Amino acid sequence: MKKAITALVLTMVILVVFGMEARAQIPKEGTTSFVTSFSGTGKRLIMGQEDFQSVYEVTGANISDTDDDLLHNTSYRCLGALHAVKGEFNNSGFCVATRPDGDQIFWTLKATGKMGVGSKGTSTFVGGTGKLTGIQGGGEYTEFFVRPAAEGTFQGVTRSKGQYKLP
């Protein structure tokens, strides 16, 4: 009986350990779909009524449509620049997302939009760490801003979808 209990406990331990490892595996190819909530600060050089140059830093969190999504429950940080002329703008930046396991994904972004309306853009995965080393792919996103929670800050929400491939 003692051997049977030992074997059962050992089997349970193996199932838990290998089961957790199986869940941690990331498919070599897949899609991603997530919502991002962000907040940031920036510096502006005003050049008239609707014209300015801005550099910004943004931090936020990504929540995916499914629990097994590549970017589910990731935190992220972006640095970028936005140039607006007559209320129309171009935005570009570089971002790092950190997964709960500590692995990171790096991507660039480019967007166009209109002040007070929002923007549409594309993202391109340019690398990663750990299980995400060599990641390629990217996607599209839409973004809108909400009334700032505090002076000198900005907040918004982004809806993204894309695809990726790992080596």
C-alpha atoms as a PDB file:
ATOM      1  CA  MET A   1       0.000   0.000   0.000  1.00  0.00           C
ATOM      2  CA  LYS A   2       2.869   2.346   0.856  1.00  0.00           C
ATOM      3  CA  LYS A   3       4.411   1.750  -2.600  1.00  0.00           C
ATOM      4  CA  ALA A   4       1.061   2.482  -4.278  1.00  0.00           C
ATOM      5  CA  ILE A   5       0.703   5.796  -2.414  1.00  0.00           C
ATOM      6  CA  THR A   6       4.305   6.738  -3.232  1.00  0.00           C
ATOM      7  CA  ALA A   7       3.731   5.890  -6.900  1.00  0.00           C
ATOM      8  CA  LEU A   8       0.493   7.901  -6.937  1.00  0.00           C
ATOM      9  CA  VAL A   9       2.163  10.947  -5.338  1.00  0.00           C
ATOM     10  CA  LEU A  10       5.088  10.696  -7.753  1.00  0.00           C
ATOM     11  CA  THR A  11       2.677  10.430 -10.699  1.00  0.00           C
ATOM     12  CA  MET A  12       0.771  13.515  -9.492  1.00  0.00           C
ATOM     13  CA  VAL A  13       4.017  15.494  -9.128  1.00  0.00           C
ATOM     14  CA  ILE A  14       5.111  14.508 -12.652  1.00  0.00           C
ATOM     15  CA  LEU A  15       1.708  15.449 -14.095  1.00  0.00           C
ATOM     16  CA  VAL A  16       1.752  18.821 -12.377  1.00  0.00           C
ATOM     17  CA  VAL A  17       5.332  19.619 -13.416  1.00  0.00           C
ATOM     18  CA  PHE A  18       4.947  18.484 -17.036  1.00  0.00           C
ATOM     19  CA  GLY A  19       1.433  19.901 -17.269  1.00  0.00           C
ATOM     20  CA  MET A  20       2.736  23.323 -16.235  1.00  0.00           C
ATOM     21  CA  GLU A  21       5.553  23.036 -18.772  1.00  0.00           C
ATOM     22  CA  ALA A  22       3.077  22.128 -21.527  1.00  0.00           C
ATOM     23  CA  ARG A  23       1.003  25.215 -20.700  1.00  0.00           C
ATOM     24  CA  ALA A  24       4.123  27.376 -20.800  1.00  0.00           C
ATOM     25  CA  GLN A  25       4.910  26.299 -24.367  1.00  0.00           C
ATOM     26  CA  ILE A  26       4.262  28.975 -26.980  1.00  0.00           C
ATOM     27  CA  PRO A  27       3.097  27.803 -30.426  1.00  0.00           C
ATOM     28  CA  LYS A  28       5.640  28.506 -33.189  1.00  0.00           C
ATOM     29  CA  GLU A  29       3.002  30.484 -35.114  1.00  0.00           C
ATOM     30  CA  GLY A  30      -0.152  32.170 -34.000  1.00  0.00           C
ATOM     31  CA  THR A  31      -2.377  35.187 -33.754  1.00  0.00           C
ATOM     32  CA  THR A  32      -2.794  37.737 -31.030  1.00  0.00           C
ATOM     33  CA  SER A  33      -5.725  39.973 -30.124  1.00  0.00           C
ATOM     34  CA  PHE A  34      -5.694  42.263 -27.103  1.00  0.00           C
ATOM     35  CA  VAL A  35      -6.785  45.521 -25.504  1.00  0.00           C
ATOM     36  CA  THR A  36      -4.252  47.907 -24.001  1.00  0.00           C
ATOM     37  CA  SER A  37      -4.847  50.532 -21.356  1.00  0.00           C
ATOM     38  CA  PHE A  38      -2.072  53.097 -21.122  1.00  0.00           C
ATOM     39  CA  SER A  39      -0.954  56.307 -19.471  1.00  0.00           C
ATOM     40  CA  GLY A  40       1.886  58.582 -20.389  1.00  0.00           C
ATOM     41  CA  THR A  41       3.701  61.858 -20.202  1.00  0.00           C
ATOM     42  CA  GLY A  42       5.384  63.892 -22.862  1.00  0.00           C
ATOM     43  CA  LYS A  43       7.095  67.094 -23.807  1.00  0.00           C
ATOM     44  CA  ARG A  44       5.758  69.329 -26.564  1.00  0.00           C
ATOM     45  CA  LEU A  45       7.305  71.975 -28.735  1.00  0.00           C
ATOM     46  CA  ILE A  46       4.325  74.111 -29.821  1.00  0.00           C
ATOM     47  CA  MET A  47       4.553  75.537 -33.339  1.00  0.00           C
ATOM     48  CA  GLY A  48       1.292  77.437 -33.752  1.00  0.00           C
ATOM     49  CA  GLN A  49      -2.384  76.672 -33.249  1.00  0.00           C
ATOM     50  CA  GLU A  50      -2.483  72.990 -34.346  1.00  0.00           C
ATOM     51  CA  ASP A  51       1.174  72.214 -34.953  1.00  0.00           C
ATOM     52  CA  PHE A  52       3.605  70.641 -32.504  1.00  0.00           C
ATOM     53  CA  GLN A  53       6.334  68.081 -32.012  1.00  0.00           C
ATOM     54  CA  SER A  54       6.072  65.750 -29.020  1.00  0.00           C
ATOM     55  CA  VAL A  55       8.242  63.083 -27.431  1.00  0.00           C
ATOM     56  CA  TYR A  56       6.515  60.729 -25.012  1.00  0.00           C
ATOM     57  CA  GLU A  57       6.813  57.792 -22.660  1.00  0.00           C
ATOM     58  CA  VAL A  58       3.878  55.433 -22.181  1.00  0.00           C
ATOM     59  CA  THR A  59       3.325  52.537 -19.786  1.00  0.00           C
ATOM     60  CA  GLY A  60       0.377  50.202 -19.618  1.00  0.00           C
ATOM     61  CA  ALA A  61      -1.019  46.702 -19.557  1.00  0.00           C
ATOM     62  CA  ASN A  62      -2.291  44.319 -22.227  1.00  0.00           C
ATOM     63  CA  ILE A  63      -5.264  42.033 -21.637  1.00  0.00           C
ATOM     64  CA  SER A  64      -5.896  39.499 -24.397  1.00  0.00           C
ATOM     65  CA  ASP A  65      -9.110  37.976 -25.649  1.00  0.00           C
ATOM     66  CA  THR A  66      -7.862  34.544 -24.516  1.00  0.00           C
ATOM     67  CA  ASP A  67      -5.744  33.449 -21.537  1.00  0.00           C
ATOM     68  CA  ASP A  68      -3.206  31.660 -23.766  1.00  0.00           C
ATOM     69  CA  ASP A  69      -2.507  34.669 -26.011  1.00  0.00           C
ATOM     70  CA  LEU A  70       1.147  35.624 -26.457  1.00  0.00           C
ATOM     71  CA  LEU A  71       0.583  39.099 -24.952  1.00  0.00           C
ATOM     72  CA  HIS A  72      -1.978  38.267 -22.250  1.00  0.00           C
ATOM     73  CA  ASN A  73      -1.283  39.979 -18.909  1.00  0.00           C
ATOM     74  CA  THR A  74       1.826  41.754 -20.148  1.00  0.00           C
ATOM     75  CA  SER A  75       3.058  45.116 -18.959  1.00  0.00           C
ATOM     76  CA  TYR A  76       4.633  47.389 -21.502  1.00  0.00           C
ATOM     77  CA  ARG A  77       6.589  50.580 -22.025  1.00  0.00           C
ATOM     78  CA  CYS A  78       6.941  52.662 -25.197  1.00  0.00           C
ATOM     79  CA  LEU A  79       9.055  55.655 -26.135  1.00  0.00           C
ATOM     80  CA  GLY A  80       8.118  57.621 -29.215  1.00  0.00           C
ATOM     81  CA  ALA A  81       7.574  60.840 -31.096  1.00  0.00           C
ATOM     82  CA  LEU A  82       4.500  62.466 -32.565  1.00  0.00           C
ATOM     83  CA  HIS A  83       4.494  65.270 -35.134  1.00  0.00           C
ATOM     84  CA  ALA A  84       1.233  67.174 -35.721  1.00  0.00           C
ATOM     85  CA  VAL A  85       0.465  69.644 -38.497  1.00  0.00           C
ATOM     86  CA  LYS A  86      -2.997  71.230 -38.700  1.00  0.00           C
ATOM     87  CA  GLY A  87      -4.334  68.615 -36.299  1.00  0.00           C
ATOM     88  CA  GLU A  88      -3.168  65.635 -38.394  1.00  0.00           C
ATOM     89  CA  PHE A  89      -0.340  63.609 -36.892  1.00  0.00           C
ATOM     90  CA  ASN A  90       2.257  60.919 -37.519  1.00  0.00           C
ATOM     91  CA  ASN A  91       3.384  58.812 -34.592  1.00  0.00           C
ATOM     92  CA  SER A  92       6.300  56.382 -34.304  1.00  0.00           C
ATOM     93  CA  GLY A  93       7.796  54.528 -31.382  1.00  0.00           C
ATOM     94  CA  PHE A  94       9.535  51.521 -29.905  1.00  0.00           C
ATOM     95  CA  CYS A  95       7.942  49.279 -27.268  1.00  0.00           C
ATOM     96  CA  VAL A  96       8.890  46.488 -24.872  1.00  0.00           C
ATOM     97  CA  ALA A  97       6.260  44.141 -23.404  1.00  0.00           C
ATOM     98  CA  THR A  98       7.129  41.935 -20.434  1.00  0.00           C
ATOM     99  CA  ARG A  99       5.239  38.685 -19.984  1.00  0.00           C
ATOM    100  CA  PRO A 100       4.396  37.223 -16.555  1.00  0.00           C
ATOM    101  CA  ASP A 101       7.268  34.721 -17.025  1.00  0.00           C
ATOM    102  CA  GLY A 102       9.749  37.600 -17.585  1.00  0.00           C
ATOM    103  CA  ASP A 103      10.277  37.038 -21.318  1.00  0.00           C
ATOM    104  CA  GLN A 104      10.064  40.212 -23.399  1.00  0.00           C
ATOM    105  CA  ILE A 105       8.785  41.142 -26.859  1.00  0.00           C
ATOM    106  CA  PHE A 106      10.116  44.191 -28.744  1.00  0.00           C
ATOM    107  CA  TRP A 107       8.174  46.022 -31.453  1.00  0.00           C
ATOM    108  CA  THR A 108       8.049  49.234 -33.431  1.00  0.00           C
ATOM    109  CA  LEU A 109       4.906  51.196 -34.174  1.00  0.00           C
ATOM    110  CA  LYS A 110       3.769  53.679 -36.814  1.00  0.00           C
ATOM    111  CA  ALA A 111       0.431  55.451 -36.846  1.00  0.00           C
ATOM    112  CA  THR A 112      -1.467  58.348 -38.346  1.00  0.00           C
ATOM    113  CA  GLY A 113      -4.445  60.157 -36.928  1.00  0.00           C
ATOM    114  CA  LYS A 114      -6.270  63.337 -36.107  1.00  0.00           C
ATOM    115  CA  MET A 115      -6.062  65.151 -32.797  1.00  0.00           C
ATOM    116  CA  GLY A 116      -9.148  64.525 -30.676  1.00  0.00           C
ATOM    117  CA  VAL A 117     -10.232  61.560 -32.826  1.00  0.00           C
ATOM    118  CA  GLY A 118      -7.576  58.863 -32.446  1.00  0.00           C
ATOM    119  CA  SER A 119      -5.318  56.919 -34.739  1.00  0.00           C
ATOM    120  CA  LYS A 120      -4.769  53.740 -36.722  1.00  0.00           C
ATOM    121  CA  GLY A 121      -1.398  52.111 -36.971  1.00  0.00           C
ATOM    122  CA  THR A 122       0.786  49.103 -37.536  1.00  0.00           C
ATOM    123  CA  SER A 123       3.243  47.306 -35.296  1.00  0.00           C
ATOM    124  CA  THR A 124       6.203  45.121 -36.240  1.00  0.00           C
ATOM    125  CA  PHE A 125       7.806  42.589 -33.872  1.00  0.00           C
ATOM    126  CA  VAL A 126      11.564  43.096 -34.020  1.00  0.00           C
ATOM    127  CA  GLY A 127      12.815  40.681 -31.367  1.00  0.00           C
ATOM    128  CA  GLY A 128      12.419  39.198 -27.950  1.00  0.00           C
ATOM    129  CA  THR A 129      14.091  37.370 -25.091  1.00  0.00           C
ATOM    130  CA  GLY A 130      13.857  33.829 -23.738  1.00  0.00           C
ATOM    131  CA  LYS A 131      11.203  31.791 -25.560  1.00  0.00           C
ATOM    132  CA  LEU A 132      10.500  34.828 -27.771  1.00  0.00           C
ATOM    133  CA  THR A 133      14.006  35.265 -29.186  1.00  0.00           C
ATOM    134  CA  GLY A 134      13.773  35.730 -32.947  1.00  0.00           C
ATOM    135  CA  ILE A 135      10.035  36.498 -33.011  1.00  0.00           C
ATOM    136  CA  GLN A 136       8.709  38.038 -36.232  1.00  0.00           C
ATOM    137  CA  GLY A 137       5.327  39.372 -37.226  1.00  0.00           C
ATOM    138  CA  GLY A 138       3.171  42.305 -36.351  1.00  0.00           C
ATOM    139  CA  GLY A 139      -0.296  43.667 -36.694  1.00  0.00           C
ATOM    140  CA  GLU A 140      -2.686  46.573 -36.755  1.00  0.00           C
ATOM    141  CA  TYR A 141      -4.233  48.696 -34.035  1.00  0.00           C
ATOM    142  CA  THR A 142      -6.718  51.476 -33.397  1.00  0.00           C
ATOM    143  CA  GLU A 143      -6.245  53.906 -30.561  1.00  0.00           C
ATOM    144  CA  PHE A 144      -8.272  56.573 -28.825  1.00  0.00           C
ATOM    145  CA  PHE A 145      -7.549  58.908 -25.949  1.00  0.00           C
ATOM    146  CA  VAL A 146      -9.706  59.763 -22.949  1.00  0.00           C
ATOM    147  CA  ARG A 147      -9.812  62.912 -20.819  1.00  0.00           C
ATOM    148  CA  PRO A 148      -6.560  63.057 -18.805  1.00  0.00           C
ATOM    149  CA  ALA A 149      -6.741  61.949 -15.188  1.00  0.00           C
ATOM    150  CA  ALA A 150      -4.129  64.513 -14.150  1.00  0.00           C
ATOM    151  CA  GLU A 151      -2.584  67.597 -15.684  1.00  0.00           C
ATOM    152  CA  GLY A 152       0.522  66.824 -17.737  1.00  0.00           C
ATOM    153  CA  THR A 153      -0.527  63.234 -18.473  1.00  0.00           C
ATOM    154  CA  PHE A 154      -2.547  61.427 -21.130  1.00  0.00           C
ATOM    155  CA  GLN A 155      -4.451  58.133 -21.099  1.00  0.00           C
ATOM    156  CA  GLY A 156      -5.989  55.947 -23.737  1.00  0.00           C
ATOM    157  CA  VAL A 157      -7.015  52.550 -24.982  1.00  0.00           C
ATOM    158  CA  THR A 158      -5.718  50.551 -27.923  1.00  0.00           C
ATOM    159  CA  ARG A 159      -7.344  47.564 -29.660  1.00  0.00           C
ATOM    160  CA  SER A 160      -4.751  45.386 -31.453  1.00  0.00           C
ATOM    161  CA  LYS A 161      -4.649  42.228 -33.543  1.00  0.00           C
ATOM    162  CA  GLY A 162      -1.782  40.539 -35.305  1.00  0.00           C
ATOM    163  CA  GLN A 163       0.212  37.426 -36.034  1.00  0.00           C
ATOM    164  CA  TYR A 164       3.627  36.082 -35.075  1.00  0.00           C
ATOM    165  CA  LYS A 165       6.148  33.425 -36.004  1.00  0.00           C
ATOM    166  CA  LEU A 166       8.935  32.012 -33.838  1.00  0.00           C
ATOM    167  CA  PRO A 167      12.055  30.287 -35.223  1.00  0.00           C
END
